[in-house]
Amino acid sequence: MDKPLVSILINNYNYGRFLREAIDSALNQTYPHVEVVVVDDGSTDESRNIIASYGDQINPILKENGGQASAFNVGFINSRGEIICFLDSDDIFLPEKSAEVAHLFESDQEIGWCFHPQIIADIKDKPVSQVNYEPTFTKYDLAQQMQRGKLGNPFEFHIPATSGICFRHSLLEKILPMPESNGITLNDSYIKFAALGISKGAALNAGLSVQRIHDSNAFTFKNNKQQLAEFHVLLAYWLRKNFPTLAKFANNLFATGMMFYQQIGGVEVKCQGVVEDYLSSSTFLERCEIHLRVFAKVLIFSLKR
């Protein structure tokens, strides 16, 4: 009982066809001290019947639809673990996931976050990519690098999707609740980049979860410029607003978003207020730098084509 409690937070919206496998994978961990919190974000399919069938094996949170950000916020508020692992309801955890993550956090008290790669599979769980199981890790301290506006080339390591990210509860208290924007999607990248910018962490070299790729995946392996523009601009806005030390990194993200908007003919209506607010709150020199970055990114992109 002296081992830390691991909270597995499953966020779900109309993924009833996958949900049971996700919950089962969370319940079937080899690590004995696990709680499973399932947040249903207003599903209209069979999801809630599936959740009810587990009784007191899980902590069910049933809420109105409010988006992924609101699901993360509610799940975190209702979790008790010292370690928090996020699991998308269309993915699954390998049985040893919680044990490996808990061991890593116990081995180094400075670490606030742990990321690991995922095994990519198709809808029938046939692996598309394979990650060797090697429970070694590399420690990172990227705060100063991000404060200078950069994060590797393009990153020092691969930043995984939701089911490959884990945090100390004490670190998430500094990040959550995350903003819940009506009509504009702010996803788990806000949590990931904020964590990288304010805490030391580790990349664990083990594929401890399986990510399914299917028609409903929002971003993975897709290149929708409007979604990319919206994602970069909104993420930049909230990172700079809530974590001022990351302003230079946020400006770089914002410039990338504006590059995508330039390629599709301009800023969409729902993001115009965000863009105007961002630029009006920037200094003259920051605005000049942003415009130069946009010009450079557009030029480089055109030369690559």
C-alpha atoms as a PDB file:
ATOM      1  CA  MET A   1       0.000   0.000   0.000  1.00  0.00           C
ATOM      2  CA  ASP A   2       3.030   2.301   0.080  1.00  0.00           C
ATOM      3  CA  LYS A   3       3.051   2.301  -3.716  1.00  0.00           C
ATOM      4  CA  PRO A   4       1.588   5.403  -5.414  1.00  0.00           C
ATOM      5  CA  LEU A   5      -1.968   5.216  -6.717  1.00  0.00           C
ATOM      6  CA  VAL A   6      -2.229   5.483 -10.514  1.00  0.00           C
ATOM      7  CA  SER A   7      -5.380   7.109 -11.889  1.00  0.00           C
ATOM      8  CA  ILE A   8      -6.264   6.123 -15.453  1.00  0.00           C
ATOM      9  CA  LEU A   9      -8.529   8.792 -16.954  1.00  0.00           C
ATOM     10  CA  ILE A  10     -10.555   7.550 -19.934  1.00  0.00           C
ATOM     11  CA  ASN A  11     -12.305  10.237 -21.982  1.00  0.00           C
ATOM     12  CA  ASN A  12     -15.105   9.058 -24.237  1.00  0.00           C
ATOM     13  CA  TYR A  13     -17.541  10.487 -26.745  1.00  0.00           C
ATOM     14  CA  ASN A  14     -19.572   8.107 -28.924  1.00  0.00           C
ATOM     15  CA  TYR A  15     -16.809   5.476 -29.067  1.00  0.00           C
ATOM     16  CA  GLY A  16     -18.967   2.696 -27.689  1.00  0.00           C
ATOM     17  CA  ARG A  17     -17.569   0.273 -30.269  1.00  0.00           C
ATOM     18  CA  PHE A  18     -14.120   0.633 -28.677  1.00  0.00           C
ATOM     19  CA  LEU A  19     -14.913   1.596 -25.084  1.00  0.00           C
ATOM     20  CA  ARG A  20     -15.140  -1.846 -23.465  1.00  0.00           C
ATOM     21  CA  GLU A  21     -11.655  -2.814 -24.653  1.00  0.00           C
ATOM     22  CA  ALA A  22     -10.240   0.451 -23.305  1.00  0.00           C
ATOM     23  CA  ILE A  23     -11.825  -0.011 -19.878  1.00  0.00           C
ATOM     24  CA  ASP A  24     -10.777  -3.673 -19.717  1.00  0.00           C
ATOM     25  CA  SER A  25      -7.189  -2.756 -20.534  1.00  0.00           C
ATOM     26  CA  ALA A  26      -7.199  -0.234 -17.683  1.00  0.00           C
ATOM     27  CA  LEU A  27      -8.694  -2.720 -15.214  1.00  0.00           C
ATOM     28  CA  ASN A  28      -6.315  -5.513 -16.216  1.00  0.00           C
ATOM     29  CA  GLN A  29      -3.080  -3.771 -15.252  1.00  0.00           C
ATOM     30  CA  THR A  30      -0.407  -5.825 -13.509  1.00  0.00           C
ATOM     31  CA  TYR A  31       0.126  -2.915 -11.122  1.00  0.00           C
ATOM     32  CA  PRO A  32      -2.231  -3.380  -8.148  1.00  0.00           C
ATOM     33  CA  HIS A  33      -2.886   0.241  -7.136  1.00  0.00           C
ATOM     34  CA  VAL A  34      -5.013   1.630  -9.977  1.00  0.00           C
ATOM     35  CA  GLU A  35      -8.267   3.542 -10.153  1.00  0.00           C
ATOM     36  CA  VAL A  36     -10.149   3.918 -13.434  1.00  0.00           C
ATOM     37  CA  VAL A  37     -12.105   7.125 -14.023  1.00  0.00           C
ATOM     38  CA  VAL A  38     -14.320   7.090 -17.126  1.00  0.00           C
ATOM     39  CA  VAL A  39     -15.646  10.447 -18.295  1.00  0.00           C
ATOM     40  CA  ASP A  40     -18.438  10.247 -20.845  1.00  0.00           C
ATOM     41  CA  ASP A  41     -18.840  13.565 -22.643  1.00  0.00           C
ATOM     42  CA  GLY A  42     -22.522  13.356 -23.555  1.00  0.00           C
ATOM     43  CA  SER A  43     -22.446  10.256 -25.757  1.00  0.00           C
ATOM     44  CA  THR A  44     -25.603   9.323 -27.664  1.00  0.00           C
ATOM     45  CA  ASP A  45     -24.552   5.776 -28.613  1.00  0.00           C
ATOM     46  CA  GLU A  46     -24.352   2.692 -26.364  1.00  0.00           C
ATOM     47  CA  SER A  47     -21.449   4.099 -24.324  1.00  0.00           C
ATOM     48  CA  ARG A  48     -23.383   4.817 -21.133  1.00  0.00           C
ATOM     49  CA  ASN A  49     -24.872   1.308 -21.004  1.00  0.00           C
ATOM     50  CA  ILE A  50     -21.358  -0.097 -21.324  1.00  0.00           C
ATOM     51  CA  ILE A  51     -20.102   2.163 -18.530  1.00  0.00           C
ATOM     52  CA  ALA A  52     -23.005   1.145 -16.253  1.00  0.00           C
ATOM     53  CA  SER A  53     -22.196  -2.551 -16.758  1.00  0.00           C
ATOM     54  CA  TYR A  54     -18.914  -2.159 -14.824  1.00  0.00           C
ATOM     55  CA  GLY A  55     -20.607  -1.150 -11.585  1.00  0.00           C
ATOM     56  CA  ASP A  56     -18.182  -0.070  -8.877  1.00  0.00           C
ATOM     57  CA  GLN A  57     -15.112  -1.347 -10.758  1.00  0.00           C
ATOM     58  CA  ILE A  58     -14.782   2.129 -12.224  1.00  0.00           C
ATOM     59  CA  ASN A  59     -15.588   5.719 -11.261  1.00  0.00           C
ATOM     60  CA  PRO A  60     -18.093   6.880 -13.922  1.00  0.00           C
ATOM     61  CA  ILE A  61     -18.530  10.577 -14.673  1.00  0.00           C
ATOM     62  CA  LEU A  62     -21.484  11.325 -16.956  1.00  0.00           C
ATOM     63  CA  LYS A  63     -21.645  14.884 -18.261  1.00  0.00           C
ATOM     64  CA  GLU A  64     -23.143  16.975 -21.020  1.00  0.00           C
ATOM     65  CA  ASN A  65     -21.110  17.332 -24.186  1.00  0.00           C
ATOM     66  CA  GLY A  66     -18.448  19.997 -23.724  1.00  0.00           C
ATOM     67  CA  GLY A  67     -15.408  18.762 -25.645  1.00  0.00           C
ATOM     68  CA  GLN A  68     -12.177  17.012 -24.747  1.00  0.00           C
ATOM     69  CA  ALA A  69     -10.875  19.873 -22.605  1.00  0.00           C
ATOM     70  CA  SER A  70     -13.900  19.719 -20.316  1.00  0.00           C
ATOM     71  CA  ALA A  71     -13.597  15.926 -20.089  1.00  0.00           C
ATOM     72  CA  PHE A  72      -9.954  16.234 -18.982  1.00  0.00           C
ATOM     73  CA  ASN A  73     -10.866  18.858 -16.391  1.00  0.00           C
ATOM     74  CA  VAL A  74     -13.709  16.846 -14.877  1.00  0.00           C
ATOM     75  CA  GLY A  75     -11.713  13.619 -14.896  1.00  0.00           C
ATOM     76  CA  PHE A  76      -8.797  15.242 -13.105  1.00  0.00           C
ATOM     77  CA  ILE A  77     -11.024  16.794 -10.436  1.00  0.00           C
ATOM     78  CA  ASN A  78     -12.467  13.348  -9.719  1.00  0.00           C
ATOM     79  CA  SER A  79      -9.133  11.497  -9.588  1.00  0.00           C
ATOM     80  CA  ARG A  80      -7.212  10.566  -6.434  1.00  0.00           C
ATOM     81  CA  GLY A  81      -3.943   9.220  -7.845  1.00  0.00           C
ATOM     82  CA  GLU A  82      -0.485  10.647  -7.350  1.00  0.00           C
ATOM     83  CA  ILE A  83       0.145   9.646 -10.977  1.00  0.00           C
ATOM     84  CA  ILE A  84      -2.301  10.433 -13.796  1.00  0.00           C
ATOM     85  CA  CYS A  85      -2.381   8.477 -17.080  1.00  0.00           C
ATOM     86  CA  PHE A  86      -4.703   9.544 -19.896  1.00  0.00           C
ATOM     87  CA  LEU A  87      -6.350   6.960 -22.152  1.00  0.00           C
ATOM     88  CA  ASP A  88      -8.456   7.720 -25.223  1.00  0.00           C
ATOM     89  CA  SER A  89     -11.466   5.424 -25.365  1.00  0.00           C
ATOM     90  CA  ASP A  90     -10.488   4.079 -28.795  1.00  0.00           C
ATOM     91  CA  ASP A  91      -7.023   3.018 -27.545  1.00  0.00           C
ATOM     92  CA  ILE A  92      -5.804   0.371 -25.099  1.00  0.00           C
ATOM     93  CA  PHE A  93      -3.069   0.092 -22.461  1.00  0.00           C
ATOM     94  CA  LEU A  94      -0.675  -2.830 -22.334  1.00  0.00           C
ATOM     95  CA  PRO A  95      -0.922  -4.704 -18.987  1.00  0.00           C
ATOM     96  CA  GLU A  96       2.454  -3.485 -17.688  1.00  0.00           C
ATOM     97  CA  LYS A  97       1.867   0.207 -18.497  1.00  0.00           C
ATOM     98  CA  SER A  98       0.986   1.425 -14.986  1.00  0.00           C
ATOM     99  CA  ALA A  99       3.790  -0.594 -13.364  1.00  0.00           C
ATOM    100  CA  GLU A 100       6.468   0.837 -15.642  1.00  0.00           C
ATOM    101  CA  VAL A 101       5.220   4.403 -15.303  1.00  0.00           C
ATOM    102  CA  ALA A 102       4.910   4.195 -11.515  1.00  0.00           C
ATOM    103  CA  HIS A 103       8.421   2.748 -11.261  1.00  0.00           C
ATOM    104  CA  LEU A 104       9.817   5.599 -13.353  1.00  0.00           C
ATOM    105  CA  PHE A 105       8.161   8.290 -11.236  1.00  0.00           C
ATOM    106  CA  GLU A 106       9.320   6.571  -8.036  1.00  0.00           C
ATOM    107  CA  SER A 107      12.889   6.345  -9.310  1.00  0.00           C
ATOM    108  CA  ASP A 108      13.247  10.107  -9.857  1.00  0.00           C
ATOM    109  CA  GLN A 109      11.269  12.586  -7.780  1.00  0.00           C
ATOM    110  CA  GLU A 110      12.243  15.487 -10.089  1.00  0.00           C
ATOM    111  CA  ILE A 111      10.262  14.083 -12.993  1.00  0.00           C
ATOM    112  CA  GLY A 112       6.849  15.663 -13.472  1.00  0.00           C
ATOM    113  CA  TRP A 113       5.869  14.059 -16.766  1.00  0.00           C
ATOM    114  CA  CYS A 114       6.491  10.807 -18.632  1.00  0.00           C
ATOM    115  CA  PHE A 115       5.861  10.302 -22.356  1.00  0.00           C
ATOM    116  CA  HIS A 116       6.199   7.048 -24.257  1.00  0.00           C
ATOM    117  CA  PRO A 117       5.653   5.950 -27.871  1.00  0.00           C
ATOM    118  CA  GLN A 118       2.584   4.004 -28.938  1.00  0.00           C
ATOM    119  CA  ILE A 119       2.078   0.953 -31.109  1.00  0.00           C
ATOM    120  CA  ILE A 120      -0.009   2.075 -34.090  1.00  0.00           C
ATOM    121  CA  ALA A 121      -2.725  -0.345 -35.164  1.00  0.00           C
ATOM    122  CA  ASP A 122      -5.662  -0.400 -37.542  1.00  0.00           C
ATOM    123  CA  ILE A 123      -9.290  -0.772 -36.520  1.00  0.00           C
ATOM    124  CA  LYS A 124      -8.889  -4.579 -36.320  1.00  0.00           C
ATOM    125  CA  ASP A 125      -5.929  -4.180 -33.921  1.00  0.00           C
ATOM    126  CA  LYS A 126      -3.455  -5.284 -36.585  1.00  0.00           C
ATOM    127  CA  PRO A 127      -0.142  -3.475 -35.835  1.00  0.00           C
ATOM    128  CA  VAL A 128       0.867  -0.929 -38.455  1.00  0.00           C
ATOM    129  CA  SER A 129       4.049  -0.045 -36.558  1.00  0.00           C
ATOM    130  CA  GLN A 130       5.942  -1.782 -33.782  1.00  0.00           C
ATOM    131  CA  VAL A 131       7.781  -0.270 -30.809  1.00  0.00           C
ATOM    132  CA  ASN A 132      10.289  -2.495 -29.061  1.00  0.00           C
ATOM    133  CA  TYR A 133       9.702  -3.010 -25.363  1.00  0.00           C
ATOM    134  CA  GLU A 134      12.797  -1.529 -23.722  1.00  0.00           C
ATOM    135  CA  PRO A 135      11.999   0.019 -20.318  1.00  0.00           C
ATOM    136  CA  THR A 136      14.857   2.514 -20.453  1.00  0.00           C
ATOM    137  CA  PHE A 137      14.324   6.251 -20.338  1.00  0.00           C
ATOM    138  CA  THR A 138      15.964   9.566 -21.135  1.00  0.00           C
ATOM    139  CA  LYS A 139      15.488  12.508 -18.793  1.00  0.00           C
ATOM    140  CA  TYR A 140      14.748  15.965 -20.213  1.00  0.00           C
ATOM    141  CA  ASP A 141      14.754  19.526 -18.927  1.00  0.00           C
ATOM    142  CA  LEU A 142      13.404  21.639 -21.792  1.00  0.00           C
ATOM    143  CA  ALA A 143      12.156  24.731 -19.940  1.00  0.00           C
ATOM    144  CA  GLN A 144      14.989  27.072 -20.925  1.00  0.00           C
ATOM    145  CA  GLN A 145      14.947  25.847 -24.501  1.00  0.00           C
ATOM    146  CA  MET A 146      11.208  26.520 -24.799  1.00  0.00           C
ATOM    147  CA  GLN A 147      11.576  29.932 -23.161  1.00  0.00           C
ATOM    148  CA  ARG A 148      13.958  30.787 -26.017  1.00  0.00           C
ATOM    149  CA  GLY A 149      11.195  29.808 -28.435  1.00  0.00           C
ATOM    150  CA  LYS A 150      12.352  26.397 -29.645  1.00  0.00           C
ATOM    151  CA  LEU A 151      11.933  22.718 -28.923  1.00  0.00           C
ATOM    152  CA  GLY A 152      14.498  20.745 -30.858  1.00  0.00           C
ATOM    153  CA  ASN A 153      14.521  20.264 -34.608  1.00  0.00           C
ATOM    154  CA  PRO A 154      11.600  19.817 -34.803  1.00  0.00           C
ATOM    155  CA  PHE A 155      11.490  18.145 -31.363  1.00  0.00           C
ATOM    156  CA  GLU A 156      14.097  16.360 -29.290  1.00  0.00           C
ATOM    157  CA  PHE A 157      11.763  13.382 -29.105  1.00  0.00           C
ATOM    158  CA  HIS A 158       8.415  12.284 -30.454  1.00  0.00           C
ATOM    159  CA  ILE A 159       5.517  13.756 -28.486  1.00  0.00           C
ATOM    160  CA  PRO A 160       2.821  11.078 -28.394  1.00  0.00           C
ATOM    161  CA  ALA A 161      -0.950  11.334 -28.562  1.00  0.00           C
ATOM    162  CA  THR A 162      -3.188  11.209 -25.478  1.00  0.00           C
ATOM    163  CA  SER A 163      -2.669   7.567 -24.522  1.00  0.00           C
ATOM    164  CA  GLY A 164       1.101   8.001 -24.305  1.00  0.00           C
ATOM    165  CA  ILE A 165       1.217  10.816 -21.724  1.00  0.00           C
ATOM    166  CA  CYS A 166       1.424  10.560 -17.914  1.00  0.00           C
ATOM    167  CA  PHE A 167       1.927  13.156 -15.177  1.00  0.00           C
ATOM    168  CA  ARG A 168       2.341  13.677 -11.485  1.00  0.00           C
ATOM    169  CA  HIS A 169      -0.851  14.989  -9.936  1.00  0.00           C
ATOM    170  CA  SER A 170       1.148  17.876  -8.460  1.00  0.00           C
ATOM    171  CA  LEU A 171       2.242  19.025 -11.935  1.00  0.00           C
ATOM    172  CA  LEU A 172      -1.261  18.841 -13.413  1.00  0.00           C
ATOM    173  CA  GLU A 173      -2.491  21.042 -10.583  1.00  0.00           C
ATOM    174  CA  LYS A 174      -0.381  23.810 -12.153  1.00  0.00           C
ATOM    175  CA  ILE A 175      -1.839  23.221 -15.635  1.00  0.00           C
ATOM    176  CA  LEU A 176      -5.467  22.218 -15.175  1.00  0.00           C
ATOM    177  CA  PRO A 177      -8.197  23.228 -15.537  1.00  0.00           C
ATOM    178  CA  MET A 178      -7.443  23.874 -19.170  1.00  0.00           C
ATOM    179  CA  PRO A 179      -9.469  26.495 -21.086  1.00  0.00           C
ATOM    180  CA  GLU A 180     -12.775  25.309 -22.512  1.00  0.00           C
ATOM    181  CA  SER A 181     -13.395  27.324 -25.669  1.00  0.00           C
ATOM    182  CA  ASN A 182     -16.834  27.196 -27.247  1.00  0.00           C
ATOM    183  CA  GLY A 183     -16.693  26.186 -30.881  1.00  0.00           C
ATOM    184  CA  ILE A 184     -12.884  25.999 -31.025  1.00  0.00           C
ATOM    185  CA  THR A 185     -11.030  22.829 -30.117  1.00  0.00           C
ATOM    186  CA  LEU A 186      -8.226  22.943 -27.569  1.00  0.00           C
ATOM    187  CA  ASN A 187      -6.857  19.441 -27.091  1.00  0.00           C
ATOM    188  CA  ASP A 188      -4.300  17.668 -24.928  1.00  0.00           C
ATOM    189  CA  SER A 189      -1.409  19.492 -26.625  1.00  0.00           C
ATOM    190  CA  TYR A 190      -2.037  22.334 -24.184  1.00  0.00           C
ATOM    191  CA  ILE A 191      -1.233  19.965 -21.296  1.00  0.00           C
ATOM    192  CA  LYS A 192       1.777  18.443 -23.027  1.00  0.00           C
ATOM    193  CA  PHE A 193       3.515  21.667 -24.043  1.00  0.00           C
ATOM    194  CA  ALA A 194       2.774  23.372 -20.733  1.00  0.00           C
ATOM    195  CA  ALA A 195       4.325  20.406 -18.924  1.00  0.00           C
ATOM    196  CA  LEU A 196       7.419  20.486 -21.128  1.00  0.00           C
ATOM    197  CA  GLY A 197       7.820  24.184 -20.425  1.00  0.00           C
ATOM    198  CA  ILE A 198       7.551  24.108 -16.637  1.00  0.00           C
ATOM    199  CA  SER A 199       8.819  20.723 -15.468  1.00  0.00           C
ATOM    200  CA  LYS A 200      11.535  18.151 -15.968  1.00  0.00           C
ATOM    201  CA  GLY A 201      10.359  14.845 -17.357  1.00  0.00           C
ATOM    202  CA  ALA A 202      11.345  11.645 -19.118  1.00  0.00           C
ATOM    203  CA  ALA A 203      10.750   9.840 -22.391  1.00  0.00           C
ATOM    204  CA  LEU A 204      10.274   6.139 -21.714  1.00  0.00           C
ATOM    205  CA  ASN A 205      11.507   3.916 -24.534  1.00  0.00           C
ATOM    206  CA  ALA A 206       8.639   1.442 -24.460  1.00  0.00           C
ATOM    207  CA  GLY A 207       5.448   1.106 -26.474  1.00  0.00           C
ATOM    208  CA  LEU A 208       2.996   0.770 -23.591  1.00  0.00           C
ATOM    209  CA  SER A 209      -0.255   1.566 -25.374  1.00  0.00           C
ATOM    210  CA  VAL A 210      -1.926   0.838 -28.697  1.00  0.00           C
ATOM    211  CA  GLN A 211      -3.334   3.699 -30.765  1.00  0.00           C
ATOM    212  CA  ARG A 212      -5.992   2.741 -33.268  1.00  0.00           C
ATOM    213  CA  ILE A 213      -6.112   4.648 -36.537  1.00  0.00           C
ATOM    214  CA  HIS A 214      -9.602   4.973 -38.007  1.00  0.00           C
ATOM    215  CA  ASP A 215     -11.819   7.409 -39.884  1.00  0.00           C
ATOM    216  CA  SER A 216     -12.769   9.395 -36.765  1.00  0.00           C
ATOM    217  CA  ASN A 217      -9.243  10.192 -35.551  1.00  0.00           C
ATOM    218  CA  ALA A 218      -8.971  13.977 -35.349  1.00  0.00           C
ATOM    219  CA  PHE A 219      -5.355  14.732 -36.335  1.00  0.00           C
ATOM    220  CA  THR A 220      -3.236  11.596 -36.648  1.00  0.00           C
ATOM    221  CA  PHE A 221      -1.746  11.186 -40.138  1.00  0.00           C
ATOM    222  CA  LYS A 222      -4.010  13.942 -41.481  1.00  0.00           C
ATOM    223  CA  ASN A 223      -3.039  17.254 -43.070  1.00  0.00           C
ATOM    224  CA  ASN A 224      -6.104  19.482 -42.818  1.00  0.00           C
ATOM    225  CA  LYS A 225      -4.654  22.987 -43.035  1.00  0.00           C
ATOM    226  CA  GLN A 226      -7.695  24.646 -41.485  1.00  0.00           C
ATOM    227  CA  GLN A 227      -7.504  22.328 -38.452  1.00  0.00           C
ATOM    228  CA  LEU A 228      -3.746  22.838 -38.223  1.00  0.00           C
ATOM    229  CA  ALA A 229      -4.110  26.616 -38.375  1.00  0.00           C
ATOM    230  CA  GLU A 230      -6.819  26.649 -35.705  1.00  0.00           C
ATOM    231  CA  PHE A 231      -4.840  24.251 -33.497  1.00  0.00           C
ATOM    232  CA  HIS A 232      -1.599  26.293 -33.595  1.00  0.00           C
ATOM    233  CA  VAL A 233      -3.268  29.671 -33.098  1.00  0.00           C
ATOM    234  CA  LEU A 234      -5.462  28.592 -30.182  1.00  0.00           C
ATOM    235  CA  LEU A 235      -2.651  26.670 -28.476  1.00  0.00           C
ATOM    236  CA  ALA A 236      -0.327  29.669 -28.823  1.00  0.00           C
ATOM    237  CA  TYR A 237      -2.971  32.021 -27.420  1.00  0.00           C
ATOM    238  CA  TRP A 238      -3.573  30.049 -24.222  1.00  0.00           C
ATOM    239  CA  LEU A 239       0.041  29.040 -23.618  1.00  0.00           C
ATOM    240  CA  ARG A 240       1.156  32.670 -23.733  1.00  0.00           C
ATOM    241  CA  LYS A 241      -1.796  33.845 -21.657  1.00  0.00           C
ATOM    242  CA  ASN A 242      -1.393  31.263 -18.868  1.00  0.00           C
ATOM    243  CA  PHE A 243       2.374  30.671 -19.024  1.00  0.00           C
ATOM    244  CA  PRO A 244       4.058  34.006 -19.886  1.00  0.00           C
ATOM    245  CA  THR A 245       7.557  32.488 -19.736  1.00  0.00           C
ATOM    246  CA  LEU A 246       6.624  30.493 -22.864  1.00  0.00           C
ATOM    247  CA  ALA A 247       5.744  33.603 -24.892  1.00  0.00           C
ATOM    248  CA  LYS A 248       8.524  33.129 -27.466  1.00  0.00           C
ATOM    249  CA  PHE A 249       7.560  29.503 -28.017  1.00  0.00           C
ATOM    250  CA  ALA A 250       3.914  30.556 -28.324  1.00  0.00           C
ATOM    251  CA  ASN A 251       4.858  33.208 -30.904  1.00  0.00           C
ATOM    252  CA  ASN A 252       6.495  30.522 -33.004  1.00  0.00           C
ATOM    253  CA  LEU A 253       3.363  28.357 -32.784  1.00  0.00           C
ATOM    254  CA  PHE A 254       1.212  31.361 -33.684  1.00  0.00           C
ATOM    255  CA  ALA A 255       3.354  32.106 -36.747  1.00  0.00           C
ATOM    256  CA  THR A 256       2.948  28.506 -37.907  1.00  0.00           C
ATOM    257  CA  GLY A 257      -0.823  28.826 -37.548  1.00  0.00           C
ATOM    258  CA  MET A 258      -0.834  32.063 -39.531  1.00  0.00           C
ATOM    259  CA  MET A 259       1.207  30.381 -42.249  1.00  0.00           C
ATOM    260  CA  PHE A 260      -1.517  27.743 -42.643  1.00  0.00           C
ATOM    261  CA  TYR A 261      -4.199  30.442 -42.669  1.00  0.00           C
ATOM    262  CA  GLN A 262      -2.332  32.301 -45.393  1.00  0.00           C
ATOM    263  CA  GLN A 263      -2.276  29.117 -47.463  1.00  0.00           C
ATOM    264  CA  ILE A 264      -6.046  28.643 -47.213  1.00  0.00           C
ATOM    265  CA  GLY A 265      -6.878  32.263 -47.982  1.00  0.00           C
ATOM    266  CA  GLY A 266      -7.255  33.898 -44.578  1.00  0.00           C
ATOM    267  CA  VAL A 267      -8.357  33.504 -40.990  1.00  0.00           C
ATOM    268  CA  GLU A 268     -11.720  31.807 -40.485  1.00  0.00           C
ATOM    269  CA  VAL A 269     -14.409  33.835 -38.734  1.00  0.00           C
ATOM    270  CA  LYS A 270     -14.433  31.894 -35.453  1.00  0.00           C
ATOM    271  CA  CYS A 271     -10.697  32.489 -34.941  1.00  0.00           C
ATOM    272  CA  GLN A 272     -10.551  36.147 -35.971  1.00  0.00           C
ATOM    273  CA  GLY A 273     -11.094  37.405 -32.424  1.00  0.00           C
ATOM    274  CA  VAL A 274      -8.324  35.140 -31.085  1.00  0.00           C
ATOM    275  CA  VAL A 275      -5.889  36.335 -33.765  1.00  0.00           C
ATOM    276  CA  GLU A 276      -6.725  40.014 -33.216  1.00  0.00           C
ATOM    277  CA  ASP A 277      -6.397  39.675 -29.440  1.00  0.00           C
ATOM    278  CA  TYR A 278      -3.072  37.868 -29.778  1.00  0.00           C
ATOM    279  CA  LEU A 279      -1.561  40.505 -32.053  1.00  0.00           C
ATOM    280  CA  SER A 280      -2.956  43.471 -30.113  1.00  0.00           C
ATOM    281  CA  SER A 281      -1.433  42.132 -26.892  1.00  0.00           C
ATOM    282  CA  SER A 282       1.962  41.655 -28.563  1.00  0.00           C
ATOM    283  CA  THR A 283       4.670  44.305 -28.631  1.00  0.00           C
ATOM    284  CA  PHE A 284       5.670  45.989 -31.874  1.00  0.00           C
ATOM    285  CA  LEU A 285       8.856  43.933 -32.015  1.00  0.00           C
ATOM    286  CA  GLU A 286       6.931  40.715 -31.379  1.00  0.00           C
ATOM    287  CA  ARG A 287       4.518  41.514 -34.214  1.00  0.00           C
ATOM    288  CA  CYS A 288       7.429  42.201 -36.555  1.00  0.00           C
ATOM    289  CA  GLU A 289       9.051  38.915 -35.569  1.00  0.00           C
ATOM    290  CA  ILE A 290       5.795  37.015 -36.070  1.00  0.00           C
ATOM    291  CA  HIS A 291       5.294  38.476 -39.554  1.00  0.00           C
ATOM    292  CA  LEU A 292       8.897  37.640 -40.480  1.00  0.00           C
ATOM    293  CA  ARG A 293       8.424  34.080 -39.214  1.00  0.00           C
ATOM    294  CA  VAL A 294       5.252  33.695 -41.283  1.00  0.00           C
ATOM    295  CA  PHE A 295       7.039  34.968 -44.390  1.00  0.00           C
ATOM    296  CA  ALA A 296       9.978  32.617 -43.792  1.00  0.00           C
ATOM    297  CA  LYS A 297       7.721  29.603 -43.158  1.00  0.00           C
ATOM    298  CA  VAL A 298       5.683  30.271 -46.307  1.00  0.00           C
ATOM    299  CA  LEU A 299       8.881  30.622 -48.348  1.00  0.00           C
ATOM    300  CA  ILE A 300      10.394  27.419 -46.981  1.00  0.00           C
ATOM    301  CA  PHE A 301       7.131  25.530 -47.499  1.00  0.00           C
ATOM    302  CA  SER A 302       6.887  26.695 -51.123  1.00  0.00           C
ATOM    303  CA  LEU A 303      10.495  25.670 -51.825  1.00  0.00           C
ATOM    304  CA  LYS A 304       9.841  22.165 -50.505  1.00  0.00           C
ATOM    305  CA  ARG A 305       6.923  21.630 -52.852  1.00  0.00           C
END
